[in-house]
Amino acid sequence: MGNRFIEKSGDSRSDSLLSGAKWGEGAVGEPVYITYSFPEGDAYWSYTEEPGSGFLGLNKTQQKNFKFALNAWQEVSKLTFIEIPDSMTYGDIRVAYTAKITGNVQAYAYFPGSGTYIGDIIRPSDQAGDIWINPELTDLSVSSTGYATLIHEVGHALGLKHSFESEGGFPAINPTLDNTKYTVMSYTEYTGAGYIFTEENAFYYTYREVMPTTPMLYDILAAQYMYGVDTTTRAGDDVYTFTTQAELKTIWDAGGADEINLSNQNIAANLNLNAGEFSDIGQRQMTYKGPLLQANENIAIAFGVIIENATGTRFDDVITGNSADNIIDGGLGDDRIDGGSGIDTAKYQGARDSYVLTQVAAGNVTVEGQDGLDTLENIEKLSFSDGDFLLSELLASTATSVPTTKSEVSLTPAESETAYYLLEIGQVQSQDASVSYATRDGTALAGEDYVATSGIATIAAGSSSLAIAVQLIDDAVTEDNETFSLVVSNPVGGIFSNDMIELVAQRTIIDNDIVV
């Protein structure tokens, strides 16, 4: 097979990983078939450096794991790997152990640019693409250090360099991005998925970072630039789940109506369905026998991938939709769900009449029922066990009058009502004005008497007022009338009068329970 020198893609994220050569004589982005083989025993070698030092073939289990590593790259691109016997003829890529590698070096591989050149075409040497492994690295199982090494070395064999090196006119990566969160070609391990601790005896333990099990965001960009974008991998309706211990990986999905389902998780998640973004999924351990914490940006969705639907955990999740028509089931817990653009649906398990809907500031809605108390933004539909409903129609049927003037604001709302605070500016402005706001306990307590509410309220250009709604909790407990306040601060696009730092307004909740 002839190989080819390539030009930069123009995208610094992929260019920082390219070595300047790829397999196949065709243009970048064209499909390529690459053969591979497993040398053993008296295999033929045209070069002597590694085999002459003593080489050993992979056993059947190790070969299987190497095939997994190849497949991880094949899934994201138009590469096709074909195994052939290793004898006098052999694969473009060969993999074996060599006694030449000792110490802390785990493995190395030869680029496809190794060989002789005629213009942009490379006649690859027999070394090109070959991968050599330290004999001490025997565990190549998925999620092991050995498997992460295979993913890395296959990247080299395909034409990717180290992210932190610049060579052949191709730049190094931005140092702030030089870690395995973005690329398996980095030497800097990302700790967002935590560590794996192994107790060797009562007095000694070892640990290592959780390592990538797939090519990561920028690796996929670079592979797809060289070898084309896969359109077949998981093109149907797929459901993605994860172990409860945090993983480090990037999702590639070629099509279908797909879902990320986190119902098995043991900690809250921060799930972002947007391509090129990361989510916090699973529990990570940062210290030996330390607490299990929420993972930090450990699961990515590759650029160009659309995941339509999501199911959250039983805890308090934050779920962000994308431009598709998302169906989002927050699960149990008090979730914050932002549907993004598209016609999005929030899904609930009970019947419509068992939930209380309240419209709050900036078009947000709270939905309270057997699933918890969710805050929704950019959601157009609600789905219940007894049917689907347009949110606008539900609000119209349950709406209370939102005040637009001070005279319409009740300072003493009943606990069955909604408390409103009216923000006003002196005159209509040509630009937006905003403040931060948050409720503050008085004798009334958040979670018992009202729903804690906070955020940023924006009075749009051309307007002079905005109502902030706070949902009150209508319980069956006879109690005294109680007070709480709303505090606004950090004005943007305007100032408070008299150099005030914050403004505070109080409401008295009138108990509506009758003593019998």
Protein backbone atom coordinates (compact mmCIF):
# COMPACT_ATOMS: atom_id res chain seq x y z
CA MET A 1 0.00 0.00 0.00
CA GLY A 2 1.19 3.49 -0.79
CA ASN A 3 0.77 6.23 1.80
CA ARG A 4 0.51 9.99 1.45
CA PHE A 5 1.78 13.20 3.00
CA ILE A 6 -1.09 15.47 3.99
CA GLU A 7 -1.68 19.17 4.57
CA LYS A 8 -3.15 20.81 7.65
CA SER A 9 -6.91 20.64 8.07
CA GLY A 10 -7.18 24.25 9.23
CA ASP A 11 -8.67 23.10 12.54
CA SER A 12 -6.08 23.51 15.30
CA ARG A 13 -7.73 20.80 17.37
CA SER A 14 -6.97 18.10 14.81
CA ASP A 15 -3.84 19.70 13.33
CA SER A 16 -2.16 19.49 16.74
CA LEU A 17 -2.39 15.69 16.51
CA LEU A 18 -1.42 15.09 12.87
CA SER A 19 2.07 13.79 12.04
CA GLY A 20 1.77 14.74 8.37
CA ALA A 21 1.21 11.32 6.81
CA LYS A 22 -1.61 8.82 6.50
CA TRP A 23 -2.29 5.39 5.08
CA GLY A 24 -3.49 5.21 1.47
CA GLU A 25 -2.51 7.20 -1.59
CA GLY A 26 -5.93 8.84 -1.92
CA ALA A 27 -6.97 12.25 -0.68
CA VAL A 28 -7.79 12.91 2.96
CA GLY A 29 -11.25 11.72 3.95
CA GLU A 30 -11.30 8.74 1.60
CA PRO A 31 -11.94 5.23 2.98
CA VAL A 32 -8.84 3.11 3.56
CA TYR A 33 -8.35 -0.63 4.10
CA ILE A 34 -5.47 -1.56 6.40
CA THR A 35 -4.32 -5.11 7.07
CA TYR A 36 -2.86 -6.28 10.36
CA SER A 37 -1.29 -9.47 11.67
CA PHE A 38 0.14 -11.07 14.81
CA PRO A 39 3.72 -12.36 14.34
CA GLU A 40 4.78 -15.40 16.33
CA GLY A 41 7.69 -17.83 16.62
CA ASP A 42 9.81 -17.80 13.47
CA ALA A 43 7.96 -14.94 11.77
CA TYR A 44 9.81 -13.22 8.95
CA TRP A 45 11.21 -9.74 9.58
CA SER A 46 12.93 -7.48 7.08
CA TYR A 47 14.38 -5.39 9.91
CA THR A 48 16.16 -6.58 13.02
CA GLU A 49 16.18 -3.91 15.73
CA GLU A 50 13.12 -5.02 17.76
CA PRO A 51 12.77 -8.65 16.65
CA GLY A 52 16.52 -9.16 16.97
CA SER A 53 16.35 -8.14 20.63
CA GLY A 54 13.90 -10.98 21.22
CA PHE A 55 10.23 -10.78 20.43
CA LEU A 56 7.12 -12.53 21.69
CA GLY A 57 3.69 -12.74 20.11
CA LEU A 58 0.44 -11.78 21.82
CA ASN A 59 -1.66 -14.57 23.27
CA LYS A 60 -5.26 -15.05 22.16
CA THR A 61 -6.71 -12.83 24.91
CA GLN A 62 -4.22 -10.07 24.18
CA GLN A 63 -4.96 -10.34 20.46
CA LYS A 64 -8.67 -9.95 21.19
CA ASN A 65 -8.02 -6.79 23.16
CA PHE A 66 -5.83 -5.40 20.40
CA LYS A 67 -8.71 -5.96 17.99
CA PHE A 68 -10.94 -3.99 20.38
CA ALA A 69 -8.45 -1.11 20.20
CA LEU A 70 -8.43 -1.23 16.40
CA ASN A 71 -12.20 -1.29 16.36
CA ALA A 72 -12.36 1.81 18.58
CA TRP A 73 -10.68 3.75 15.74
CA GLN A 74 -12.59 1.96 12.99
CA GLU A 75 -15.93 2.89 14.60
CA VAL A 76 -15.33 6.62 14.20
CA SER A 77 -13.86 6.70 10.69
CA LYS A 78 -13.98 5.01 7.28
CA LEU A 79 -11.05 2.81 8.17
CA THR A 80 -11.47 -0.92 7.73
CA PHE A 81 -9.00 -3.26 9.46
CA ILE A 82 -8.53 -6.73 7.97
CA GLU A 83 -6.62 -9.47 9.76
CA ILE A 84 -4.33 -11.63 7.62
CA PRO A 85 -1.96 -14.49 8.54
CA ASP A 86 1.57 -13.49 9.49
CA SER A 87 4.20 -15.41 7.53
CA MET A 88 6.23 -14.36 4.47
CA THR A 89 3.39 -11.93 3.85
CA TYR A 90 2.05 -9.93 6.74
CA GLY A 91 -0.11 -7.01 7.72
CA ASP A 92 0.47 -3.31 7.23
CA ILE A 93 0.35 -3.14 11.03
CA ARG A 94 2.08 -5.83 13.11
CA VAL A 95 2.02 -5.93 16.89
CA ALA A 96 4.30 -7.88 19.24
CA TYR A 97 6.35 -7.67 22.44
CA THR A 98 10.05 -6.86 22.26
CA ALA A 99 12.78 -7.20 24.88
CA LYS A 100 14.28 -4.00 23.46
CA ILE A 101 11.74 -2.04 25.53
CA THR A 102 12.49 -1.94 29.26
CA GLY A 103 11.84 0.30 32.23
CA ASN A 104 9.01 2.84 32.20
CA VAL A 105 8.49 2.86 28.43
CA GLN A 106 5.22 1.02 27.80
CA ALA A 107 5.31 0.76 24.00
CA TYR A 108 5.97 2.63 20.79
CA ALA A 109 4.85 2.56 17.17
CA TYR A 110 6.09 3.65 13.76
CA PHE A 111 4.23 6.32 11.75
CA PRO A 112 2.83 5.56 8.28
CA GLY A 113 5.28 8.19 7.01
CA SER A 114 8.23 5.86 7.53
CA GLY A 115 9.61 4.86 4.11
CA THR A 116 10.78 6.34 0.79
CA TYR A 117 9.12 9.28 -0.94
CA ILE A 118 8.10 10.19 -4.47
CA GLY A 119 6.50 13.62 -4.21
CA ASP A 120 3.56 13.34 -1.82
CA ILE A 121 3.43 9.55 -2.10
CA ILE A 122 5.19 7.38 0.47
CA ARG A 123 6.35 3.85 -0.20
CA PRO A 124 6.10 2.64 3.42
CA SER A 125 8.91 0.71 5.03
CA ASP A 126 8.19 -2.62 6.67
CA GLN A 127 8.45 -0.85 10.01
CA ALA A 128 5.65 1.63 9.16
CA GLY A 129 2.64 1.02 11.38
CA ASP A 130 4.29 -1.65 13.53
CA ILE A 131 3.59 -1.55 17.26
CA TRP A 132 6.04 -2.84 19.86
CA ILE A 133 5.11 -3.42 23.50
CA ASN A 134 7.09 -3.74 26.75
CA PRO A 135 7.00 -7.45 27.79
CA GLU A 136 5.97 -6.40 31.31
CA LEU A 137 2.73 -4.88 30.01
CA THR A 138 0.75 -8.11 29.90
CA ASP A 139 -2.72 -6.91 30.94
CA LEU A 140 -4.31 -5.42 27.83
CA SER A 141 -7.92 -5.77 29.02
CA VAL A 142 -10.35 -2.92 28.39
CA SER A 143 -10.01 -0.17 31.06
CA SER A 144 -6.46 -1.27 31.93
CA THR A 145 -3.27 0.74 31.50
CA GLY A 146 -2.35 -1.71 28.77
CA TYR A 147 -5.53 -1.05 26.81
CA ALA A 148 -5.08 2.73 27.06
CA THR A 149 -1.55 2.15 25.73
CA LEU A 150 -2.93 0.20 22.77
CA ILE A 151 -5.41 3.00 21.93
CA HIS A 152 -2.51 5.47 22.05
CA GLU A 153 -0.11 3.37 19.95
CA VAL A 154 -2.72 2.57 17.31
CA GLY A 155 -3.17 6.33 17.04
CA HIS A 156 0.55 6.64 16.22
CA ALA A 157 0.33 3.75 13.74
CA LEU A 158 -2.48 5.60 11.94
CA GLY A 159 -0.57 8.87 11.73
CA LEU A 160 -1.16 10.79 14.97
CA LYS A 161 1.72 12.32 16.90
CA HIS A 162 1.96 13.30 20.54
CA SER A 163 -0.27 16.27 21.31
CA PHE A 164 2.48 18.18 23.13
CA GLU A 165 5.00 17.95 20.27
CA SER A 166 5.25 20.12 17.16
CA GLU A 167 6.86 18.55 14.12
CA GLY A 168 6.75 18.69 10.34
CA GLY A 169 4.95 22.01 10.39
CA PHE A 170 2.14 20.64 12.56
CA PRO A 171 1.69 22.48 15.88
CA ALA A 172 1.54 21.30 19.45
CA ILE A 173 -1.80 21.49 21.18
CA ASN A 174 -2.77 24.41 23.40
CA PRO A 175 -1.15 23.44 26.74
CA THR A 176 -4.45 23.93 28.58
CA LEU A 177 -5.95 21.15 26.41
CA ASP A 178 -3.01 18.77 26.62
CA ASN A 179 -4.56 15.94 28.61
CA THR A 180 -6.52 12.75 28.04
CA LYS A 181 -9.82 14.55 28.46
CA TYR A 182 -9.34 15.74 24.87
CA THR A 183 -6.87 13.30 23.32
CA VAL A 184 -5.39 9.87 23.97
CA MET A 185 -2.20 11.17 22.36
CA SER A 186 -1.34 13.18 25.49
CA TYR A 187 0.97 12.05 28.27
CA THR A 188 -0.99 14.09 30.83
CA GLU A 189 -3.68 11.99 32.51
CA TYR A 190 -7.00 13.73 33.19
CA THR A 191 -8.43 13.09 36.65
CA GLY A 192 -12.07 13.99 36.02
CA ALA A 193 -13.01 10.32 36.30
CA GLY A 194 -10.86 9.88 39.39
CA TYR A 195 -8.40 7.15 40.33
CA ILE A 196 -8.39 3.39 40.70
CA PHE A 197 -6.84 2.32 44.02
CA THR A 198 -5.50 -1.19 44.55
CA GLU A 199 -4.66 -2.42 48.04
CA GLU A 200 -1.53 -4.55 47.70
CA ASN A 201 -1.38 -5.44 51.41
CA ALA A 202 -2.37 -3.97 54.77
CA PHE A 203 0.35 -1.30 54.52
CA TYR A 204 0.61 -0.53 50.84
CA TYR A 205 -1.61 0.46 47.96
CA THR A 206 -1.13 1.57 44.36
CA TYR A 207 -3.25 3.87 42.28
CA ARG A 208 -3.66 5.17 38.74
CA GLU A 209 -5.97 7.51 36.91
CA VAL A 210 -9.07 6.21 35.14
CA MET A 211 -7.94 6.15 31.50
CA PRO A 212 -9.78 6.62 28.20
CA THR A 213 -11.36 3.56 26.62
CA THR A 214 -12.11 5.32 23.30
CA PRO A 215 -10.46 7.92 21.11
CA MET A 216 -11.41 11.26 22.60
CA LEU A 217 -12.90 14.44 21.10
CA TYR A 218 -9.89 15.72 19.17
CA ASP A 219 -8.65 12.24 18.23
CA ILE A 220 -11.93 11.62 16.44
CA LEU A 221 -11.66 14.92 14.57
CA ALA A 222 -8.14 14.05 13.42
CA ALA A 223 -9.02 10.47 12.42
CA GLN A 224 -12.06 11.65 10.48
CA TYR A 225 -10.03 14.30 8.68
CA MET A 226 -7.54 11.67 7.50
CA TYR A 227 -9.89 8.74 6.89
CA GLY A 228 -13.42 10.08 6.56
CA VAL A 229 -16.46 10.27 8.83
CA ASP A 230 -18.12 6.99 9.76
CA THR A 231 -21.83 6.82 8.89
CA THR A 232 -22.56 3.24 9.95
CA THR A 233 -21.55 2.80 13.58
CA ARG A 234 -24.62 2.72 15.82
CA ALA A 235 -26.86 4.17 13.12
CA GLY A 236 -29.99 2.71 14.76
CA ASP A 237 -31.86 3.69 17.92
CA ASP A 238 -29.25 3.20 20.64
CA VAL A 239 -29.38 3.54 24.43
CA TYR A 240 -26.15 4.54 26.19
CA THR A 241 -25.57 3.52 29.80
CA PHE A 242 -22.50 3.76 32.00
CA THR A 243 -21.03 1.97 34.99
CA THR A 244 -21.56 3.64 38.35
CA GLN A 245 -17.79 4.10 38.65
CA ALA A 246 -16.85 7.00 36.42
CA GLU A 247 -15.55 6.18 32.96
CA LEU A 248 -13.58 8.36 30.54
CA LYS A 249 -14.81 8.10 26.97
CA THR A 250 -16.34 9.87 23.96
CA ILE A 251 -19.58 8.76 22.28
CA TRP A 252 -19.65 8.38 18.51
CA ASP A 253 -23.09 7.67 17.05
CA ALA A 254 -23.90 7.81 13.34
CA GLY A 255 -27.69 8.20 13.51
CA GLY A 256 -31.04 6.99 14.79
CA ALA A 257 -33.09 8.23 17.75
CA ASP A 258 -30.74 7.73 20.69
CA GLU A 259 -30.88 8.03 24.46
CA ILE A 260 -28.48 8.45 27.35
CA ASN A 261 -30.03 6.58 30.28
CA LEU A 262 -28.59 7.24 33.74
CA SER A 263 -31.24 5.52 35.82
CA ASN A 264 -28.65 3.10 37.28
CA GLN A 265 -26.39 5.83 38.67
CA ASN A 266 -25.66 6.31 42.38
CA ILE A 267 -24.99 10.04 42.25
CA ALA A 268 -26.49 13.07 40.53
CA ALA A 269 -25.39 13.84 36.97
CA ASN A 270 -24.75 16.97 34.96
CA LEU A 271 -25.75 15.78 31.49
CA ASN A 272 -25.17 17.89 28.37
CA LEU A 273 -26.54 16.50 25.10
CA ASN A 274 -24.71 18.99 22.89
CA ALA A 275 -22.03 17.71 20.52
CA GLY A 276 -18.51 18.60 21.58
CA GLU A 277 -19.55 19.03 25.23
CA PHE A 278 -18.78 17.01 28.35
CA SER A 279 -21.05 15.57 31.03
CA ASP A 280 -20.43 14.65 34.68
CA ILE A 281 -21.51 11.01 34.94
CA GLY A 282 -20.66 8.46 37.62
CA GLN A 283 -18.74 8.45 40.87
CA ARG A 284 -15.04 9.18 41.07
CA GLN A 285 -12.65 8.43 43.92
CA MET A 286 -9.90 10.97 44.45
CA THR A 287 -8.23 9.65 47.62
CA TYR A 288 -7.62 6.17 49.03
CA LYS A 289 -10.78 5.05 50.83
CA GLY A 290 -12.04 8.62 50.38
CA PRO A 291 -15.59 9.64 49.53
CA LEU A 292 -17.14 8.92 46.15
CA LEU A 293 -17.72 12.22 44.39
CA GLN A 294 -19.52 13.28 41.24
CA ALA A 295 -17.29 12.85 38.19
CA ASN A 296 -16.15 15.97 36.38
CA GLU A 297 -16.51 16.30 32.59
CA ASN A 298 -15.66 12.66 31.90
CA ILE A 299 -18.12 11.68 29.15
CA ALA A 300 -18.04 13.59 25.85
CA ILE A 301 -20.32 13.54 22.83
CA ALA A 302 -18.27 13.74 19.63
CA PHE A 303 -18.65 16.63 17.22
CA GLY A 304 -21.36 15.90 14.67
CA VAL A 305 -23.29 13.50 16.93
CA ILE A 306 -26.95 14.02 17.87
CA ILE A 307 -28.30 12.28 20.97
CA GLU A 308 -32.00 13.04 21.12
CA ASN A 309 -33.23 11.76 24.47
CA ALA A 310 -32.18 11.44 28.09
CA THR A 311 -33.21 9.78 31.34
CA GLY A 312 -31.71 11.16 34.52
CA THR A 313 -30.76 9.64 37.87
CA ARG A 314 -32.86 9.45 41.03
CA PHE A 315 -30.95 12.45 42.35
CA ASP A 316 -30.94 16.20 41.60
CA ASP A 317 -29.66 16.35 38.02
CA VAL A 318 -28.87 19.17 35.64
CA ILE A 319 -29.80 18.18 32.07
CA THR A 320 -29.17 20.35 29.03
CA GLY A 321 -30.74 19.56 25.68
CA ASN A 322 -29.50 20.30 22.17
CA SER A 323 -31.07 21.51 18.92
CA ALA A 324 -33.00 18.26 18.36
CA ASP A 325 -36.53 17.61 19.61
CA ASN A 326 -35.42 16.14 22.92
CA ILE A 327 -37.47 13.92 25.20
CA ILE A 328 -36.05 14.29 28.70
CA ASP A 329 -37.11 12.26 31.73
CA GLY A 330 -35.36 13.73 34.73
CA GLY A 331 -36.22 10.73 36.92
CA LEU A 332 -36.59 11.30 40.63
CA GLY A 333 -35.05 14.26 42.41
CA ASP A 334 -35.30 18.01 41.97
CA ASP A 335 -33.92 18.39 38.47
CA ARG A 336 -33.06 21.44 36.38
CA ILE A 337 -33.85 20.77 32.72
CA ASP A 338 -33.07 23.09 29.83
CA GLY A 339 -34.35 21.79 26.52
CA GLY A 340 -32.31 24.18 24.39
CA SER A 341 -33.69 24.82 20.92
CA GLY A 342 -36.07 22.42 19.19
CA ILE A 343 -39.50 21.26 20.35
CA ASP A 344 -38.62 19.55 23.61
CA THR A 345 -40.63 17.37 25.95
CA ALA A 346 -40.22 16.81 29.69
CA LYS A 347 -41.50 13.36 30.63
CA TYR A 348 -43.22 12.39 33.90
CA GLN A 349 -44.45 9.06 35.22
CA GLY A 350 -47.73 10.10 36.88
CA ALA A 351 -51.04 11.45 35.60
CA ARG A 352 -51.33 15.14 34.75
CA ASP A 353 -53.64 15.99 37.67
CA SER A 354 -51.07 14.79 40.21
CA TYR A 355 -48.62 17.58 39.33
CA VAL A 356 -48.56 21.29 40.14
CA LEU A 357 -47.25 23.64 37.46
CA THR A 358 -46.02 27.12 38.33
CA GLN A 359 -44.62 29.71 35.97
CA VAL A 360 -41.61 31.51 37.42
CA ALA A 361 -39.18 34.18 36.24
CA ALA A 362 -37.87 34.45 32.68
CA GLY A 363 -40.31 31.89 31.33
CA ASN A 364 -39.14 29.10 33.63
CA VAL A 365 -41.68 26.60 34.93
CA THR A 366 -41.60 24.38 37.97
CA VAL A 367 -43.32 20.99 37.93
CA GLU A 368 -43.93 19.37 41.32
CA GLY A 369 -45.20 15.85 41.84
CA GLN A 370 -44.20 12.30 42.59
CA ASP A 371 -40.95 12.67 40.61
CA GLY A 372 -39.75 15.66 42.63
CA LEU A 373 -39.69 19.41 42.02
CA ASP A 374 -38.22 20.15 38.59
CA THR A 375 -37.35 23.51 37.09
CA LEU A 376 -37.86 23.62 33.34
CA GLU A 377 -36.56 26.04 30.74
CA ASN A 378 -37.04 25.95 26.97
CA ILE A 379 -39.50 23.06 27.27
CA GLU A 380 -42.48 23.11 24.92
CA LYS A 381 -44.33 19.90 25.89
CA LEU A 382 -45.02 17.82 28.98
CA SER A 383 -45.66 14.08 28.79
CA PHE A 384 -47.66 12.34 31.52
CA SER A 385 -48.98 8.81 31.88
CA ASP A 386 -52.37 9.97 30.61
CA GLY A 387 -51.19 11.99 27.63
CA ASP A 388 -48.94 14.65 26.13
CA PHE A 389 -49.72 18.35 26.51
CA LEU A 390 -48.42 21.62 25.15
CA LEU A 391 -46.91 23.54 28.02
CA SER A 392 -48.43 26.79 26.76
CA GLU A 393 -51.92 25.28 26.95
CA LEU A 394 -51.32 23.90 30.45
CA LEU A 395 -50.15 27.28 31.68
CA ALA A 396 -53.08 29.03 30.06
CA SER A 397 -55.50 26.74 31.86
CA THR A 398 -53.82 27.15 35.26
CA ALA A 399 -52.41 30.65 34.97
CA THR A 400 -52.82 33.24 37.65
CA SER A 401 -52.56 36.91 36.81
CA VAL A 402 -48.92 37.99 36.68
CA PRO A 403 -48.64 41.55 38.05
CA THR A 404 -47.35 44.33 35.81
CA THR A 405 -47.76 47.22 38.27
CA LYS A 406 -47.10 47.69 42.00
CA SER A 407 -50.82 47.92 42.74
CA GLU A 408 -51.29 44.37 41.46
CA VAL A 409 -48.63 42.87 43.75
CA SER A 410 -49.87 41.22 46.92
CA LEU A 411 -47.58 41.64 49.90
CA THR A 412 -49.55 38.99 51.78
CA PRO A 413 -50.17 36.02 49.45
CA ALA A 414 -51.96 32.96 50.80
CA GLU A 415 -49.90 29.78 50.90
CA SER A 416 -52.09 28.38 48.11
CA GLU A 417 -51.02 31.23 45.83
CA THR A 418 -47.82 32.38 44.16
CA ALA A 419 -45.72 35.17 45.65
CA TYR A 420 -44.63 37.82 43.15
CA TYR A 421 -41.92 40.45 43.30
CA LEU A 422 -41.96 43.23 40.72
CA LEU A 423 -38.67 44.59 39.38
CA GLU A 424 -38.96 48.07 37.92
CA ILE A 425 -36.53 50.52 36.37
CA GLY A 426 -37.13 54.25 36.09
CA GLN A 427 -37.59 54.34 32.34
CA VAL A 428 -37.46 52.16 29.28
CA GLN A 429 -33.88 51.56 28.16
CA SER A 430 -32.34 50.67 24.83
CA GLN A 431 -30.37 47.78 26.31
CA ASP A 432 -31.11 44.83 28.59
CA ALA A 433 -30.82 45.34 32.35
CA SER A 434 -30.38 42.44 34.73
CA VAL A 435 -29.93 41.55 38.39
CA SER A 436 -29.12 38.44 40.36
CA TYR A 437 -31.87 37.33 42.72
CA ALA A 438 -32.31 34.77 45.50
CA THR A 439 -34.86 34.04 48.18
CA ARG A 440 -33.89 34.39 51.85
CA ASP A 441 -35.50 32.67 54.82
CA GLY A 442 -37.31 34.61 57.49
CA THR A 443 -39.78 32.82 59.73
CA ALA A 444 -40.82 31.02 56.54
CA LEU A 445 -38.33 28.32 55.52
CA ALA A 446 -37.36 27.22 52.03
CA GLY A 447 -38.51 23.68 51.35
CA GLU A 448 -41.21 23.88 54.03
CA ASP A 449 -43.10 27.07 53.26
CA TYR A 450 -41.84 28.10 49.83
CA VAL A 451 -39.58 26.85 47.04
CA ALA A 452 -36.08 28.34 47.13
CA THR A 453 -35.64 30.38 43.97
CA SER A 454 -32.58 32.08 42.47
CA GLY A 455 -31.17 33.15 39.14
CA ILE A 456 -30.65 36.15 36.90
CA ALA A 457 -33.66 38.27 35.96
CA THR A 458 -33.39 40.35 32.79
CA ILE A 459 -35.61 43.28 31.87
CA ALA A 460 -35.41 43.28 28.12
CA ALA A 461 -34.61 46.42 26.16
CA GLY A 462 -37.84 48.27 25.53
CA SER A 463 -39.42 47.12 28.81
CA SER A 464 -39.39 48.67 32.24
CA SER A 465 -40.53 45.87 34.58
CA LEU A 466 -40.45 42.13 35.20
CA ALA A 467 -42.23 39.92 37.75
CA ILE A 468 -40.32 37.22 39.63
CA ALA A 469 -42.51 34.39 40.89
CA VAL A 470 -41.83 32.25 43.95
CA GLN A 471 -43.87 29.12 44.45
CA LEU A 472 -45.44 28.76 47.91
CA ILE A 473 -45.98 25.37 49.50
CA ASP A 474 -49.60 24.73 50.38
CA ASP A 475 -49.40 22.32 53.31
CA ALA A 476 -52.09 21.08 55.69
CA VAL A 477 -50.33 22.38 58.79
CA THR A 478 -51.96 25.09 60.89
CA GLU A 479 -49.28 27.68 61.62
CA ASP A 480 -48.67 31.38 62.10
CA ASN A 481 -48.32 33.70 59.18
CA GLU A 482 -44.66 33.68 58.14
CA THR A 483 -42.29 35.92 56.21
CA PHE A 484 -39.48 35.50 53.70
CA SER A 485 -37.65 37.88 51.37
CA LEU A 486 -36.22 38.24 47.89
CA VAL A 487 -32.75 39.76 47.62
CA VAL A 488 -31.55 41.33 44.36
CA SER A 489 -27.94 42.33 43.68
CA ASN A 490 -25.28 42.75 40.98
CA PRO A 491 -27.14 45.12 38.63
CA VAL A 492 -25.95 45.05 35.02
CA GLY A 493 -27.08 47.74 32.61
CA GLY A 494 -28.18 49.99 35.47
CA ILE A 495 -27.45 50.93 39.08
CA PHE A 496 -29.33 50.86 42.38
CA SER A 497 -30.26 54.20 43.85
CA ASN A 498 -28.33 55.65 46.79
CA ASP A 499 -25.35 53.38 46.06
CA MET A 500 -27.18 50.39 47.51
CA ILE A 501 -25.42 47.02 47.15
CA GLU A 502 -28.58 44.95 47.38
CA LEU A 503 -32.32 45.43 47.61
CA VAL A 504 -34.57 43.36 49.85
CA ALA A 505 -38.35 42.94 49.61
CA GLN A 506 -40.43 40.91 52.07
CA ARG A 507 -43.62 38.88 51.69
CA THR A 508 -45.89 37.52 54.41
CA ILE A 509 -47.37 34.10 53.71
CA ILE A 510 -50.93 33.89 55.03
CA ASP A 511 -51.80 30.48 56.45
CA ASN A 512 -55.01 29.15 54.90
CA ASP A 513 -55.54 26.13 57.13
CA ILE A 514 -58.62 26.21 59.35
CA VAL A 515 -58.42 25.17 62.99
CA VAL A 516 -61.26 22.76 63.77
